[in-house]
Amino acid sequence: MSIQAFSRCAAILSVVVFIAGCGAGANKPPVAAERNNDCKWYRSSCLYEGSYEPGERDYAEREAKRLNLAQTIRLTRSTWQ
């Protein structure tokens, strides 16, 4: 095998390996999505039933409202585009 043919094979093999590596994780759901699925099936595992520190409950409720509003805005924008 000549050096030119070997170089071509090595270059093609490198491109194939690179492309295969890029697509390997494409179908894997993000970690947050996996956690969301856990909460759908085992809701009790996602609920906090302990006591709150002073002001922590208010902060948690404000943060939940903020996140819900952000998601509502995001969904509204995606439906109108």
N, C-alpha and C. Protein backbone atom coordinates (compact mmCIF):
# COMPACT_ATOMS: atom_id res chain seq x y z
N MET A 1 0.86 -1.18 0.00
CA MET A 1 0.00 0.00 0.00
C MET A 1 0.90 1.23 0.00
N SER A 2 0.61 2.16 -0.86
CA SER A 2 1.44 3.35 -0.94
C SER A 2 1.11 4.32 0.19
N ILE A 3 1.99 5.24 0.43
CA ILE A 3 1.79 6.22 1.49
C ILE A 3 0.60 7.12 1.18
N GLN A 4 0.38 7.43 -0.08
CA GLN A 4 -0.75 8.28 -0.47
C GLN A 4 -2.07 7.56 -0.18
N ALA A 5 -2.18 6.29 -0.50
CA ALA A 5 -3.40 5.53 -0.23
C ALA A 5 -3.61 5.38 1.28
N PHE A 6 -2.52 5.14 2.00
CA PHE A 6 -2.62 5.04 3.46
C PHE A 6 -3.10 6.36 4.06
N SER A 7 -2.61 7.48 3.58
CA SER A 7 -3.03 8.79 4.08
C SER A 7 -4.51 9.04 3.81
N ARG A 8 -4.98 8.64 2.64
CA ARG A 8 -6.40 8.81 2.32
C ARG A 8 -7.27 7.97 3.25
N CYS A 9 -6.86 6.72 3.46
CA CYS A 9 -7.63 5.84 4.35
C CYS A 9 -7.65 6.39 5.77
N ALA A 10 -6.52 6.90 6.23
CA ALA A 10 -6.44 7.46 7.59
C ALA A 10 -7.32 8.70 7.70
N ALA A 11 -7.33 9.55 6.68
CA ALA A 11 -8.16 10.75 6.71
C ALA A 11 -9.64 10.40 6.71
N ILE A 12 -10.03 9.45 5.88
CA ILE A 12 -11.43 9.03 5.83
C ILE A 12 -11.85 8.40 7.14
N LEU A 13 -10.99 7.55 7.70
CA LEU A 13 -11.30 6.91 8.97
C LEU A 13 -11.44 7.95 10.08
N SER A 14 -10.60 8.96 10.08
CA SER A 14 -10.67 10.03 11.08
C SER A 14 -12.00 10.78 10.99
N VAL A 15 -12.43 11.09 9.78
CA VAL A 15 -13.70 11.79 9.59
C VAL A 15 -14.87 10.93 10.05
N VAL A 16 -14.84 9.65 9.73
CA VAL A 16 -15.92 8.75 10.14
C VAL A 16 -15.98 8.64 11.66
N VAL A 17 -14.83 8.51 12.31
CA VAL A 17 -14.81 8.42 13.77
C VAL A 17 -15.31 9.72 14.39
N PHE A 18 -14.92 10.85 13.83
CA PHE A 18 -15.37 12.15 14.34
C PHE A 18 -16.89 12.28 14.23
N ILE A 19 -17.44 11.94 13.09
CA ILE A 19 -18.89 12.04 12.88
C ILE A 19 -19.63 11.08 13.80
N ALA A 20 -19.13 9.87 13.96
CA ALA A 20 -19.77 8.90 14.84
C ALA A 20 -19.74 9.40 16.29
N GLY A 21 -18.65 10.02 16.70
CA GLY A 21 -18.54 10.54 18.05
C GLY A 21 -19.49 11.69 18.31
N CYS A 22 -19.70 12.53 17.31
CA CYS A 22 -20.59 13.67 17.48
C CYS A 22 -22.05 13.24 17.62
N GLY A 23 -22.43 12.20 16.95
CA GLY A 23 -23.83 11.76 16.99
C GLY A 23 -24.13 10.77 18.09
N ALA A 24 -23.12 10.35 18.85
CA ALA A 24 -23.34 9.30 19.85
C ALA A 24 -24.29 9.72 20.95
N GLY A 25 -24.23 10.98 21.41
CA GLY A 25 -25.08 11.42 22.50
C GLY A 25 -26.30 12.19 22.05
N ALA A 26 -26.59 12.19 20.77
CA ALA A 26 -27.70 13.00 20.25
C ALA A 26 -29.06 12.53 20.74
N ASN A 27 -29.23 11.24 20.94
CA ASN A 27 -30.54 10.72 21.33
C ASN A 27 -30.70 10.57 22.84
N LYS A 28 -29.68 10.89 23.60
CA LYS A 28 -29.76 10.76 25.05
C LYS A 28 -30.45 11.98 25.64
N PRO A 29 -31.49 11.77 26.46
CA PRO A 29 -32.17 12.92 27.04
C PRO A 29 -31.30 13.61 28.08
N PRO A 30 -31.47 14.91 28.26
CA PRO A 30 -30.70 15.62 29.29
C PRO A 30 -31.05 15.11 30.68
N VAL A 31 -30.19 15.37 31.63
CA VAL A 31 -30.39 14.90 32.99
C VAL A 31 -31.67 15.46 33.58
N ALA A 32 -31.97 16.73 33.28
CA ALA A 32 -33.19 17.35 33.80
C ALA A 32 -34.42 16.62 33.28
N ALA A 33 -34.39 16.18 32.04
CA ALA A 33 -35.52 15.45 31.48
C ALA A 33 -35.70 14.12 32.19
N GLU A 34 -34.59 13.45 32.52
CA GLU A 34 -34.69 12.19 33.25
C GLU A 34 -35.31 12.42 34.62
N ARG A 35 -34.92 13.49 35.29
CA ARG A 35 -35.47 13.81 36.61
C ARG A 35 -36.96 14.12 36.50
N ASN A 36 -37.35 14.81 35.43
CA ASN A 36 -38.75 15.13 35.22
C ASN A 36 -39.57 13.86 35.06
N ASN A 37 -39.04 12.89 34.33
CA ASN A 37 -39.75 11.63 34.16
C ASN A 37 -39.88 10.89 35.49
N ASP A 38 -38.86 10.97 36.34
CA ASP A 38 -38.94 10.35 37.66
C ASP A 38 -40.09 10.95 38.46
N CYS A 39 -40.24 12.27 38.35
CA CYS A 39 -41.28 12.96 39.10
C CYS A 39 -42.67 12.59 38.60
N LYS A 40 -42.80 12.27 37.31
CA LYS A 40 -44.10 11.88 36.78
C LYS A 40 -44.55 10.56 37.37
N TRP A 41 -43.62 9.62 37.51
CA TRP A 41 -43.99 8.29 37.98
C TRP A 41 -43.93 8.15 39.49
N TYR A 42 -43.02 8.85 40.14
CA TYR A 42 -42.85 8.76 41.59
C TYR A 42 -42.89 10.15 42.19
N ARG A 43 -44.06 10.75 42.16
CA ARG A 43 -44.20 12.14 42.58
C ARG A 43 -43.71 12.36 44.01
N SER A 44 -43.91 11.41 44.88
CA SER A 44 -43.52 11.59 46.27
C SER A 44 -42.01 11.75 46.42
N SER A 45 -41.23 11.23 45.47
CA SER A 45 -39.77 11.37 45.55
C SER A 45 -39.32 12.78 45.22
N CYS A 46 -40.19 13.59 44.65
CA CYS A 46 -39.83 14.96 44.26
C CYS A 46 -40.41 16.01 45.19
N LEU A 47 -41.19 15.60 46.15
CA LEU A 47 -41.81 16.54 47.07
C LEU A 47 -40.98 16.66 48.35
N TYR A 48 -40.83 17.86 48.83
CA TYR A 48 -40.10 18.10 50.07
C TYR A 48 -41.11 18.21 51.19
N GLU A 49 -40.94 17.39 52.22
CA GLU A 49 -41.90 17.39 53.32
C GLU A 49 -41.27 17.78 54.64
N GLY A 50 -40.04 18.27 54.63
CA GLY A 50 -39.37 18.69 55.86
C GLY A 50 -39.76 20.11 56.23
N SER A 51 -39.15 20.59 57.31
CA SER A 51 -39.43 21.97 57.73
C SER A 51 -38.53 22.93 56.98
N TYR A 52 -39.00 24.15 56.81
CA TYR A 52 -38.26 25.19 56.12
C TYR A 52 -37.51 26.06 57.12
N GLU A 53 -36.42 26.63 56.67
CA GLU A 53 -35.74 27.64 57.47
C GLU A 53 -36.52 28.95 57.33
N PRO A 54 -36.29 29.92 58.21
CA PRO A 54 -37.02 31.19 58.11
C PRO A 54 -36.80 31.84 56.74
N GLY A 55 -37.90 32.18 56.06
CA GLY A 55 -37.85 32.84 54.77
C GLY A 55 -37.64 31.91 53.58
N GLU A 56 -37.32 30.66 53.84
CA GLU A 56 -37.05 29.73 52.75
C GLU A 56 -38.32 29.38 51.97
N ARG A 57 -39.41 29.21 52.67
CA ARG A 57 -40.67 28.88 51.99
C ARG A 57 -41.11 30.00 51.06
N ASP A 58 -41.01 31.25 51.52
CA ASP A 58 -41.37 32.39 50.69
C ASP A 58 -40.49 32.45 49.45
N TYR A 59 -39.18 32.22 49.65
CA TYR A 59 -38.26 32.21 48.51
C TYR A 59 -38.63 31.11 47.52
N ALA A 60 -38.94 29.93 48.02
CA ALA A 60 -39.29 28.81 47.14
C ALA A 60 -40.55 29.11 46.35
N GLU A 61 -41.53 29.73 46.98
CA GLU A 61 -42.76 30.07 46.27
C GLU A 61 -42.53 31.15 45.23
N ARG A 62 -41.73 32.17 45.55
CA ARG A 62 -41.40 33.22 44.57
C ARG A 62 -40.64 32.63 43.39
N GLU A 63 -39.70 31.75 43.67
CA GLU A 63 -38.91 31.13 42.61
C GLU A 63 -39.80 30.25 41.72
N ALA A 64 -40.72 29.52 42.31
CA ALA A 64 -41.64 28.69 41.53
C ALA A 64 -42.52 29.56 40.64
N LYS A 65 -43.01 30.66 41.16
CA LYS A 65 -43.82 31.58 40.34
C LYS A 65 -43.01 32.15 39.19
N ARG A 66 -41.75 32.52 39.47
CA ARG A 66 -40.89 33.09 38.44
C ARG A 66 -40.62 32.06 37.34
N LEU A 67 -40.33 30.84 37.73
CA LEU A 67 -40.06 29.80 36.74
C LEU A 67 -41.30 29.45 35.93
N ASN A 68 -42.45 29.41 36.59
CA ASN A 68 -43.70 29.13 35.87
C ASN A 68 -44.01 30.23 34.87
N LEU A 69 -43.79 31.48 35.25
CA LEU A 69 -44.03 32.60 34.34
C LEU A 69 -43.07 32.53 33.15
N ALA A 70 -41.80 32.24 33.42
CA ALA A 70 -40.82 32.14 32.33
C ALA A 70 -41.19 31.03 31.36
N GLN A 71 -41.65 29.91 31.89
CA GLN A 71 -42.06 28.79 31.03
C GLN A 71 -43.31 29.15 30.23
N THR A 72 -44.24 29.84 30.84
CA THR A 72 -45.45 30.26 30.13
C THR A 72 -45.09 31.19 28.97
N ILE A 73 -44.20 32.13 29.23
CA ILE A 73 -43.77 33.05 28.17
C ILE A 73 -43.08 32.28 27.06
N ARG A 74 -42.20 31.35 27.42
CA ARG A 74 -41.48 30.56 26.42
C ARG A 74 -42.46 29.74 25.57
N LEU A 75 -43.44 29.12 26.21
CA LEU A 75 -44.41 28.32 25.46
C LEU A 75 -45.29 29.19 24.57
N THR A 76 -45.67 30.36 25.07
CA THR A 76 -46.51 31.27 24.29
C THR A 76 -45.76 31.74 23.05
N ARG A 77 -44.49 32.06 23.21
CA ARG A 77 -43.70 32.51 22.05
C ARG A 77 -43.53 31.39 21.02
N SER A 78 -43.34 30.16 21.50
CA SER A 78 -43.11 29.06 20.56
C SER A 78 -44.38 28.69 19.79
N THR A 79 -45.56 28.94 20.35
CA THR A 79 -46.79 28.61 19.64
C THR A 79 -47.14 29.64 18.59
N TRP A 80 -46.64 30.86 18.74
CA TRP A 80 -46.96 31.92 17.80
C TRP A 80 -45.93 32.09 16.70
N GLN A 81 -44.89 31.29 16.72
CA GLN A 81 -43.85 31.43 15.69
C GLN A 81 -44.05 30.46 14.58
